[in-house]
Amino acid sequence: MQEPQFKRVLLKISGEALAGDQHRGLDFHVIGQVCDVIKRCVETGVQVGVVVGGGNFWRGLKDGGDSMVRVRADHMGMLATTINALAVADVLEQKGVDVRVQTAIEMKDIAEPYIRSRAIRHLEKGRVVIFGCGTGNPFFSTDTAAVLRAAEIDADVILLAKNVDGVYSADPNVDPSAVKYDSITYSDVLAQNLKVMDSTATSLSMDNSIPVLLFALKDPENIYRAIMGEKIGTIVKED
């Protein structure tokens, strides 16, 4: 039987991916497929932490625009991530997966506060831990939160499940000659201004030597394939 390539992973799922073709709100068919795969990963013995975005409901900088103070708009985005975290947790529980939601902003009636040692203990017991509210601070993306949580829980890799199937030299939707990379260094991502993650998240992953594997969530089985070591997407790592 094939063995997983990682012991502990941090899975980042964008809010837009959870909306499916609707682009807004929640598509429970998509969420169900994702949770089925997460369950399979847990059954192989892999410890899974999850960070969810909130763009299917609200993106602070984009949706707030010039109409709101950036700090408050970002706080609304953190609440959006909590909605997604609770939705994913509920579907996982329906499938028999033990799960905990931890939030960077205290919401004790609906989730645990984020405590690193408690999160690690949950993971060691085979529970999925879903981290909501990003870093708990404005001006930081949920991609940065994913890298931060990955560093804190000593994850082996960040699985970046997005709406693209890898890192390209240019936007493949605009430039048909764009080349997809199988692997690329953090430095090249920053130098070429490639849209893997924002520059803060990329620099943080580089400073902590955490590899980032970006792949498309359109086929949720890619999560399992990534954990089992199949060559999918693009790996971002050191030289």
Foldseek 3Di string as FASTA:
>chain_A
DFAFPWQEEEEEEEQQQQCPPVSADGDVVLLLLLLVLVVVCLVSNHQYEYEYWQRNHADQCVVCPPVDDSFVSLQVRLVSRVVVLVSSCVSNVVVVAAEFEEECDDPPVRHHHDDLVVSLVCSVVSHYYYYTSQNVGGPDGNLLSSLVSCLSNVTQAYEYADAAFAWWLDPCVVDVPIDGALEEELVVCVVSVTVPDPNNSSVSCQVSFHKYFYGYCVPSCVVVCVRSPHRTYYIYGHD
